[in-house]
Amino acid sequence: MIVERALCVLKGRQRCLQKELEILTDNVPGTIAACCILHNICIENGEPDPDIDDSYDDDDSDDDFVHRGTSANADAIRDVLRRNLLNL
């Protein structure tokens, strides 16, 4: 559920991911990496997450996702991912 929520936030911020990408298949990984990098830049600059549509949720409870804020561990993981994506 957390991964689905993260993808929804990414798709909410990067509208090009909401439909079929109209690019060469070889360019898809780089495009998605660029979207992730831009998303991280938005996070670092304090941009609020876009409103996401929870209509895909199969129940009415919000028990399956608890936002705990940013932790040092999450920041470290995001930094490692960012460095690796920059080397693509």
PDB file of N, CA and C in Angstrom:
ATOM      1  N   MET A   1       0.817  -1.184   0.000  1.00  0.00           N
ATOM      2  CA  MET A   1       0.000   0.000   0.000  1.00  0.00           C
ATOM      3  C   MET A   1       0.871   1.262   0.000  1.00  0.00           C
ATOM      4  N   ILE A   2       1.973   1.224   0.712  1.00  0.00           N
ATOM      5  CA  ILE A   2       2.860   2.380   0.771  1.00  0.00           C
ATOM      6  C   ILE A   2       3.457   2.663  -0.603  1.00  0.00           C
ATOM      7  N   VAL A   3       3.830   1.600  -1.315  1.00  0.00           N
ATOM      8  CA  VAL A   3       4.395   1.782  -2.656  1.00  0.00           C
ATOM      9  C   VAL A   3       3.345   2.372  -3.592  1.00  0.00           C
ATOM     10  N   GLU A   4       2.119   1.872  -3.518  1.00  0.00           N
ATOM     11  CA  GLU A   4       1.039   2.424  -4.343  1.00  0.00           C
ATOM     12  C   GLU A   4       0.838   3.906  -4.048  1.00  0.00           C
ATOM     13  N   ARG A   5       0.863   4.260  -2.783  1.00  0.00           N
ATOM     14  CA  ARG A   5       0.678   5.651  -2.382  1.00  0.00           C
ATOM     15  C   ARG A   5       1.819   6.519  -2.923  1.00  0.00           C
ATOM     16  N   ALA A   6       3.052   5.998  -2.829  1.00  0.00           N
ATOM     17  CA  ALA A   6       4.212   6.743  -3.334  1.00  0.00           C
ATOM     18  C   ALA A   6       4.099   6.953  -4.839  1.00  0.00           C
ATOM     19  N   LEU A   7       3.667   5.932  -5.561  1.00  0.00           N
ATOM     20  CA  LEU A   7       3.496   6.067  -7.011  1.00  0.00           C
ATOM     21  C   LEU A   7       2.405   7.071  -7.351  1.00  0.00           C
ATOM     22  N   CYS A   8       1.354   7.099  -6.560  1.00  0.00           N
ATOM     23  CA  CYS A   8       0.280   8.076  -6.790  1.00  0.00           C
ATOM     24  C   CYS A   8       0.789   9.504  -6.584  1.00  0.00           C
ATOM     25  N   VAL A   9       1.608   9.708  -5.574  1.00  0.00           N
ATOM     26  CA  VAL A   9       2.162  11.039  -5.332  1.00  0.00           C
ATOM     27  C   VAL A   9       3.071  11.430  -6.494  1.00  0.00           C
ATOM     28  N   LEU A  10       3.910  10.492  -6.943  1.00  0.00           N
ATOM     29  CA  LEU A  10       4.805  10.768  -8.069  1.00  0.00           C
ATOM     30  C   LEU A  10       4.003  11.081  -9.330  1.00  0.00           C
ATOM     31  N   LYS A  11       2.965  10.294  -9.592  1.00  0.00           N
ATOM     32  CA  LYS A  11       2.127  10.535 -10.772  1.00  0.00           C
ATOM     33  C   LYS A  11       1.334  11.830 -10.643  1.00  0.00           C
ATOM     34  N   GLY A  12       0.988  12.205  -9.413  1.00  0.00           N
ATOM     35  CA  GLY A  12       0.276  13.462  -9.209  1.00  0.00           C
ATOM     36  C   GLY A  12       1.151  14.662  -9.498  1.00  0.00           C
ATOM     37  N   ARG A  13       2.429  14.533  -9.197  1.00  0.00           N
ATOM     38  CA  ARG A  13       3.363  15.630  -9.426  1.00  0.00           C
ATOM     39  C   ARG A  13       3.850  15.638 -10.870  1.00  0.00           C
ATOM     40  N   GLN A  14       4.066  14.491 -11.452  1.00  0.00           N
ATOM     41  CA  GLN A  14       4.571  14.371 -12.823  1.00  0.00           C
ATOM     42  C   GLN A  14       3.437  13.845 -13.702  1.00  0.00           C
ATOM     43  N   ARG A  15       2.661  14.739 -14.223  1.00  0.00           N
ATOM     44  CA  ARG A  15       1.454  14.385 -14.977  1.00  0.00           C
ATOM     45  C   ARG A  15       1.745  13.501 -16.184  1.00  0.00           C
ATOM     46  N   CYS A  16       2.969  13.573 -16.712  1.00  0.00           N
ATOM     47  CA  CYS A  16       3.296  12.747 -17.883  1.00  0.00           C
ATOM     48  C   CYS A  16       3.222  11.257 -17.559  1.00  0.00           C
ATOM     49  N   LEU A  17       3.275  10.901 -16.278  1.00  0.00           N
ATOM     50  CA  LEU A  17       3.218   9.493 -15.884  1.00  0.00           C
ATOM     51  C   LEU A  17       1.788   8.979 -15.739  1.00  0.00           C
ATOM     52  N   GLN A  18       0.810   9.839 -15.927  1.00  0.00           N
ATOM     53  CA  GLN A  18      -0.583   9.426 -15.760  1.00  0.00           C
ATOM     54  C   GLN A  18      -1.153   8.745 -16.998  1.00  0.00           C
ATOM     55  N   LYS A  19      -0.405   8.775 -18.074  1.00  0.00           N
ATOM     56  CA  LYS A  19      -0.873   8.140 -19.304  1.00  0.00           C
ATOM     57  C   LYS A  19       0.299   7.389 -19.920  1.00  0.00           C
ATOM     58  N   GLU A  20       0.047   6.745 -21.007  1.00  0.00           N
ATOM     59  CA  GLU A  20       1.109   6.030 -21.701  1.00  0.00           C
ATOM     60  C   GLU A  20       2.171   7.026 -22.165  1.00  0.00           C
ATOM     61  N   LEU A  21       3.425   6.716 -21.868  1.00  0.00           N
ATOM     62  CA  LEU A  21       4.509   7.592 -22.278  1.00  0.00           C
ATOM     63  C   LEU A  21       4.681   7.515 -23.793  1.00  0.00           C
ATOM     64  N   GLU A  22       4.748   8.650 -24.417  1.00  0.00           N
ATOM     65  CA  GLU A  22       4.887   8.706 -25.868  1.00  0.00           C
ATOM     66  C   GLU A  22       6.344   8.928 -26.239  1.00  0.00           C
ATOM     67  N   ILE A  23       7.183   8.024 -25.752  1.00  0.00           N
ATOM     68  CA  ILE A  23       8.621   8.094 -26.019  1.00  0.00           C
ATOM     69  C   ILE A  23       9.114   6.701 -26.370  1.00  0.00           C
ATOM     70  N   LEU A  24      10.343   6.622 -26.868  1.00  0.00           N
ATOM     71  CA  LEU A  24      10.932   5.327 -27.173  1.00  0.00           C
ATOM     72  C   LEU A  24      11.099   4.502 -25.902  1.00  0.00           C
ATOM     73  N   THR A  25      10.914   3.216 -26.000  1.00  0.00           N
ATOM     74  CA  THR A  25      11.021   2.319 -24.851  1.00  0.00           C
ATOM     75  C   THR A  25      12.377   2.466 -24.159  1.00  0.00           C
ATOM     76  N   ASP A  26      13.429   2.675 -24.926  1.00  0.00           N
ATOM     77  CA  ASP A  26      14.766   2.824 -24.340  1.00  0.00           C
ATOM     78  C   ASP A  26      14.881   4.057 -23.453  1.00  0.00           C
ATOM     79  N   ASN A  27      14.013   5.039 -23.663  1.00  0.00           N
ATOM     80  CA  ASN A  27      14.070   6.277 -22.892  1.00  0.00           C
ATOM     81  C   ASN A  27      13.196   6.256 -21.635  1.00  0.00           C
ATOM     82  N   VAL A  28      12.404   5.216 -21.444  1.00  0.00           N
ATOM     83  CA  VAL A  28      11.490   5.157 -20.299  1.00  0.00           C
ATOM     84  C   VAL A  28      12.230   5.171 -18.957  1.00  0.00           C
ATOM     85  N   PRO A  29      13.263   4.327 -18.751  1.00  0.00           N
ATOM     86  CA  PRO A  29      13.942   4.370 -17.442  1.00  0.00           C
ATOM     87  C   PRO A  29      14.513   5.747 -17.109  1.00  0.00           C
ATOM     88  N   GLY A  30      15.115   6.404 -18.081  1.00  0.00           N
ATOM     89  CA  GLY A  30      15.677   7.739 -17.843  1.00  0.00           C
ATOM     90  C   GLY A  30      14.609   8.765 -17.531  1.00  0.00           C
ATOM     91  N   THR A  31      13.460   8.647 -18.197  1.00  0.00           N
ATOM     92  CA  THR A  31      12.354   9.574 -17.954  1.00  0.00           C
ATOM     93  C   THR A  31      11.808   9.389 -16.546  1.00  0.00           C
ATOM     94  N   ILE A  32      11.632   8.150 -16.130  1.00  0.00           N
ATOM     95  CA  ILE A  32      11.132   7.880 -14.778  1.00  0.00           C
ATOM     96  C   ILE A  32      12.158   8.322 -13.740  1.00  0.00           C
ATOM     97  N   ALA A  33      13.440   8.084 -14.015  1.00  0.00           N
ATOM     98  CA  ALA A  33      14.495   8.540 -13.101  1.00  0.00           C
ATOM     99  C   ALA A  33      14.466  10.058 -12.983  1.00  0.00           C
ATOM    100  N   ALA A  34      14.286  10.756 -14.101  1.00  0.00           N
ATOM    101  CA  ALA A  34      14.220  12.216 -14.078  1.00  0.00           C
ATOM    102  C   ALA A  34      13.025  12.684 -13.245  1.00  0.00           C
ATOM    103  N   CYS A  35      11.895  12.006 -13.381  1.00  0.00           N
ATOM    104  CA  CYS A  35      10.710  12.359 -12.585  1.00  0.00           C
ATOM    105  C   CYS A  35      10.984  12.173 -11.093  1.00  0.00           C
ATOM    106  N   CYS A  36      11.679  11.095 -10.746  1.00  0.00           N
ATOM    107  CA  CYS A  36      12.014  10.848  -9.338  1.00  0.00           C
ATOM    108  C   CYS A  36      12.966  11.911  -8.808  1.00  0.00           C
ATOM    109  N   ILE A  37      13.939  12.286  -9.624  1.00  0.00           N
ATOM    110  CA  ILE A  37      14.891  13.322  -9.212  1.00  0.00           C
ATOM    111  C   ILE A  37      14.173  14.653  -9.010  1.00  0.00           C
ATOM    112  N   LEU A  38      13.300  15.003  -9.956  1.00  0.00           N
ATOM    113  CA  LEU A  38      12.535  16.243  -9.816  1.00  0.00           C
ATOM    114  C   LEU A  38      11.656  16.205  -8.572  1.00  0.00           C
ATOM    115  N   HIS A  39      11.077  15.044  -8.293  1.00  0.00           N
ATOM    116  CA  HIS A  39      10.252  14.880  -7.096  1.00  0.00           C
ATOM    117  C   HIS A  39      11.095  15.123  -5.840  1.00  0.00           C
ATOM    118  N   ASN A  40      12.306  14.575  -5.814  1.00  0.00           N
ATOM    119  CA  ASN A  40      13.189  14.775  -4.664  1.00  0.00           C
ATOM    120  C   ASN A  40      13.574  16.236  -4.505  1.00  0.00           C
ATOM    121  N   ILE A  41      13.782  16.916  -5.615  1.00  0.00           N
ATOM    122  CA  ILE A  41      14.092  18.348  -5.549  1.00  0.00           C
ATOM    123  C   ILE A  41      12.910  19.102  -4.943  1.00  0.00           C
ATOM    124  N   CYS A  42      11.699  18.726  -5.340  1.00  0.00           N
ATOM    125  CA  CYS A  42      10.507  19.357  -4.762  1.00  0.00           C
ATOM    126  C   CYS A  42      10.435  19.119  -3.258  1.00  0.00           C
ATOM    127  N   ILE A  43      10.736  17.900  -2.835  1.00  0.00           N
ATOM    128  CA  ILE A  43      10.720  17.572  -1.406  1.00  0.00           C
ATOM    129  C   ILE A  43      11.740  18.434  -0.663  1.00  0.00           C
ATOM    130  N   GLU A  44      12.962  18.528  -1.214  1.00  0.00           N
ATOM    131  CA  GLU A  44      14.017  19.304  -0.561  1.00  0.00           C
ATOM    132  C   GLU A  44      13.653  20.788  -0.465  1.00  0.00           C
ATOM    133  N   ASN A  45      12.853  21.279  -1.407  1.00  0.00           N
ATOM    134  CA  ASN A  45      12.468  22.691  -1.397  1.00  0.00           C
ATOM    135  C   ASN A  45      11.152  22.938  -0.684  1.00  0.00           C
ATOM    136  N   GLY A  46      10.625  21.908  -0.026  1.00  0.00           N
ATOM    137  CA  GLY A  46       9.438  22.074   0.796  1.00  0.00           C
ATOM    138  C   GLY A  46       8.134  22.181   0.033  1.00  0.00           C
ATOM    139  N   GLU A  47       8.128  21.752  -1.230  1.00  0.00           N
ATOM    140  CA  GLU A  47       6.882  21.777  -1.993  1.00  0.00           C
ATOM    141  C   GLU A  47       5.912  20.755  -1.412  1.00  0.00           C
ATOM    142  N   PRO A  48       4.657  21.116  -1.243  1.00  0.00           N
ATOM    143  CA  PRO A  48       3.695  20.147  -0.703  1.00  0.00           C
ATOM    144  C   PRO A  48       3.410  19.049  -1.731  1.00  0.00           C
ATOM    145  N   ASP A  49       3.072  17.882  -1.213  1.00  0.00           N
ATOM    146  CA  ASP A  49       2.683  16.788  -2.109  1.00  0.00           C
ATOM    147  C   ASP A  49       1.415  17.177  -2.840  1.00  0.00           C
ATOM    148  N   PRO A  50       1.282  16.733  -4.088  1.00  0.00           N
ATOM    149  CA  PRO A  50       0.050  17.033  -4.819  1.00  0.00           C
ATOM    150  C   PRO A  50      -1.123  16.275  -4.213  1.00  0.00           C
ATOM    151  N   ASP A  51      -2.325  16.786  -4.452  1.00  0.00           N
ATOM    152  CA  ASP A  51      -3.507  16.048  -4.017  1.00  0.00           C
ATOM    153  C   ASP A  51      -3.562  14.764  -4.818  1.00  0.00           C
ATOM    154  N   ILE A  52      -3.805  13.656  -4.112  1.00  0.00           N
ATOM    155  CA  ILE A  52      -3.884  12.378  -4.820  1.00  0.00           C
ATOM    156  C   ILE A  52      -5.292  11.834  -4.734  1.00  0.00           C
ATOM    157  N   ASP A  53      -5.640  11.065  -5.726  1.00  0.00           N
ATOM    158  CA  ASP A  53      -6.962  10.459  -5.813  1.00  0.00           C
ATOM    159  C   ASP A  53      -6.911   9.099  -5.136  1.00  0.00           C
ATOM    160  N   ASP A  54      -7.646   8.934  -4.044  1.00  0.00           N
ATOM    161  CA  ASP A  54      -7.660   7.666  -3.319  1.00  0.00           C
ATOM    162  C   ASP A  54      -8.751   6.727  -3.818  1.00  0.00           C
ATOM    163  N   SER A  55      -9.306   6.977  -4.990  1.00  0.00           N
ATOM    164  CA  SER A  55     -10.405   6.151  -5.467  1.00  0.00           C
ATOM    165  C   SER A  55      -9.987   4.708  -5.744  1.00  0.00           C
ATOM    166  N   TYR A  56      -8.679   4.470  -5.892  1.00  0.00           N
ATOM    167  CA  TYR A  56      -8.212   3.106  -6.120  1.00  0.00           C
ATOM    168  C   TYR A  56      -8.256   2.283  -4.837  1.00  0.00           C
ATOM    169  N   ASP A  57      -8.366   2.924  -3.693  1.00  0.00           N
ATOM    170  CA  ASP A  57      -8.338   2.243  -2.400  1.00  0.00           C
ATOM    171  C   ASP A  57      -9.516   1.280  -2.307  1.00  0.00           C
ATOM    172  N   ASP A  58      -9.240   0.065  -1.853  1.00  0.00           N
ATOM    173  CA  ASP A  58     -10.276  -0.963  -1.835  1.00  0.00           C
ATOM    174  C   ASP A  58     -11.141  -0.941  -0.581  1.00  0.00           C
ATOM    175  N   ASP A  59     -10.821  -0.117   0.386  1.00  0.00           N
ATOM    176  CA  ASP A  59     -11.661  -0.009   1.573  1.00  0.00           C
ATOM    177  C   ASP A  59     -11.665   1.441   2.048  1.00  0.00           C
ATOM    178  N   ASP A  60     -12.493   1.704   3.026  1.00  0.00           N
ATOM    179  CA  ASP A  60     -12.632   3.073   3.504  1.00  0.00           C
ATOM    180  C   ASP A  60     -11.705   3.400   4.665  1.00  0.00           C
ATOM    181  N   SER A  61     -10.913   2.434   5.094  1.00  0.00           N
ATOM    182  CA  SER A  61     -10.058   2.697   6.239  1.00  0.00           C
ATOM    183  C   SER A  61      -8.734   3.273   5.781  1.00  0.00           C
ATOM    184  N   ASP A  62      -8.184   4.123   6.587  1.00  0.00           N
ATOM    185  CA  ASP A  62      -6.862   4.667   6.318  1.00  0.00           C
ATOM    186  C   ASP A  62      -5.823   4.000   7.210  1.00  0.00           C
ATOM    187  N   ASP A  63      -6.172   2.842   7.759  1.00  0.00           N
ATOM    188  CA  ASP A  63      -5.271   2.143   8.659  1.00  0.00           C
ATOM    189  C   ASP A  63      -4.060   1.568   7.956  1.00  0.00           C
ATOM    190  N   ASP A  64      -4.144   1.396   6.638  1.00  0.00           N
ATOM    191  CA  ASP A  64      -3.053   0.751   5.926  1.00  0.00           C
ATOM    192  C   ASP A  64      -1.924   1.718   5.584  1.00  0.00           C
ATOM    193  N   PHE A  65      -2.090   3.008   5.855  1.00  0.00           N
ATOM    194  CA  PHE A  65      -1.028   3.972   5.589  1.00  0.00           C
ATOM    195  C   PHE A  65      -0.992   4.986   6.720  1.00  0.00           C
ATOM    196  N   VAL A  66       0.143   5.072   7.352  1.00  0.00           N
ATOM    197  CA  VAL A  66       0.316   6.046   8.419  1.00  0.00           C
ATOM    198  C   VAL A  66       1.516   6.898   8.059  1.00  0.00           C
ATOM    199  N   HIS A  67       1.285   8.200   7.915  1.00  0.00           N
ATOM    200  CA  HIS A  67       2.389   9.100   7.589  1.00  0.00           C
ATOM    201  C   HIS A  67       3.145   9.415   8.866  1.00  0.00           C
ATOM    202  N   ARG A  68       4.403   9.078   8.881  1.00  0.00           N
ATOM    203  CA  ARG A  68       5.208   9.292  10.075  1.00  0.00           C
ATOM    204  C   ARG A  68       6.196  10.442   9.899  1.00  0.00           C
ATOM    205  N   GLY A  69       6.105  11.164   8.800  1.00  0.00           N
ATOM    206  CA  GLY A  69       7.045  12.249   8.569  1.00  0.00           C
ATOM    207  C   GLY A  69       8.357  11.722   8.011  1.00  0.00           C
ATOM    208  N   THR A  70       9.294  12.610   7.849  1.00  0.00           N
ATOM    209  CA  THR A  70      10.590  12.248   7.290  1.00  0.00           C
ATOM    210  C   THR A  70      11.518  11.817   8.403  1.00  0.00           C
ATOM    211  N   SER A  71      12.178  10.705   8.190  1.00  0.00           N
ATOM    212  CA  SER A  71      13.156  10.241   9.167  1.00  0.00           C
ATOM    213  C   SER A  71      14.552  10.373   8.566  1.00  0.00           C
ATOM    214  N   ALA A  72      15.549  10.339   9.406  1.00  0.00           N
ATOM    215  CA  ALA A  72      16.933  10.417   8.939  1.00  0.00           C
ATOM    216  C   ALA A  72      17.238   9.237   8.026  1.00  0.00           C
ATOM    217  N   ASN A  73      16.686   8.066   8.349  1.00  0.00           N
ATOM    218  CA  ASN A  73      16.912   6.882   7.528  1.00  0.00           C
ATOM    219  C   ASN A  73      16.295   7.062   6.139  1.00  0.00           C
ATOM    220  N   ALA A  74      15.096   7.602   6.068  1.00  0.00           N
ATOM    221  CA  ALA A  74      14.450   7.832   4.769  1.00  0.00           C
ATOM    222  C   ALA A  74      15.241   8.843   3.954  1.00  0.00           C
ATOM    223  N   ASP A  75      15.748   9.878   4.605  1.00  0.00           N
ATOM    224  CA  ASP A  75      16.574  10.869   3.911  1.00  0.00           C
ATOM    225  C   ASP A  75      17.841  10.229   3.359  1.00  0.00           C
ATOM    226  N   ALA A  76      18.464   9.359   4.145  1.00  0.00           N
ATOM    227  CA  ALA A  76      19.691   8.690   3.699  1.00  0.00           C
ATOM    228  C   ALA A  76      19.412   7.797   2.496  1.00  0.00           C
ATOM    229  N   ILE A  77      18.311   7.060   2.551  1.00  0.00           N
ATOM    230  CA  ILE A  77      17.944   6.186   1.432  1.00  0.00           C
ATOM    231  C   ILE A  77      17.666   7.019   0.186  1.00  0.00           C
ATOM    232  N   ARG A  78      16.934   8.109   0.338  1.00  0.00           N
ATOM    233  CA  ARG A  78      16.625   8.977  -0.799  1.00  0.00           C
ATOM    234  C   ARG A  78      17.904   9.556  -1.397  1.00  0.00           C
ATOM    235  N   ASP A  79      18.883   9.919  -0.546  1.00  0.00           N
ATOM    236  CA  ASP A  79      20.143  10.459  -1.048  1.00  0.00           C
ATOM    237  C   ASP A  79      20.933   9.416  -1.837  1.00  0.00           C
ATOM    238  N   VAL A  80      20.953   8.185  -1.348  1.00  0.00           N
ATOM    239  CA  VAL A  80      21.643   7.104  -2.069  1.00  0.00           C
ATOM    240  C   VAL A  80      20.977   6.878  -3.421  1.00  0.00           C
ATOM    241  N   LEU A  81      19.656   6.820  -3.434  1.00  0.00           N
ATOM    242  CA  LEU A  81      18.942   6.626  -4.693  1.00  0.00           C
ATOM    243  C   LEU A  81      19.216   7.773  -5.653  1.00  0.00           C
ATOM    244  N   ARG A  82      19.198   8.992  -5.160  1.00  0.00           N
ATOM    245  CA  ARG A  82      19.450  10.155  -6.003  1.00  0.00           C
ATOM    246  C   ARG A  82      20.839  10.087  -6.620  1.00  0.00           C
ATOM    247  N   ARG A  83      21.848   9.743  -5.805  1.00  0.00           N
ATOM    248  CA  ARG A  83      23.214   9.656  -6.332  1.00  0.00           C
ATOM    249  C   ARG A  83      23.305   8.574  -7.400  1.00  0.00           C
ATOM    250  N   ASN A  84      22.660   7.437  -7.174  1.00  0.00           N
ATOM    251  CA  ASN A  84      22.695   6.367  -8.162  1.00  0.00           C
ATOM    252  C   ASN A  84      21.978   6.750  -9.444  1.00  0.00           C
ATOM    253  N   LEU A  85      20.862   7.453  -9.332  1.00  0.00           N
ATOM    254  CA  LEU A  85      20.125   7.860 -10.515  1.00  0.00           C
ATOM    255  C   LEU A  85      20.884   8.910 -11.308  1.00  0.00           C
ATOM    256  N   LEU A  86      21.643   9.741 -10.627  1.00  0.00           N
ATOM    257  CA  LEU A  86      22.422  10.753 -11.329  1.00  0.00           C
ATOM    258  C   LEU A  86      23.534  10.129 -12.163  1.00  0.00           C
ATOM    259  N   ASN A  87      23.914   8.893 -11.813  1.00  0.00           N
ATOM    260  CA  ASN A  87      24.983   8.203 -12.538  1.00  0.00           C
ATOM    261  C   ASN A  87      24.468   7.358 -13.696  1.00  0.00           C
ATOM    262  N   LEU A  88      23.173   7.424 -13.992  1.00  0.00           N
ATOM    263  CA  LEU A  88      22.614   6.645 -15.112  1.00  0.00           C
ATOM    264  C   LEU A  88      23.130   7.146 -16.435  1.00  0.00           C
TER     265      LEU A  88
END
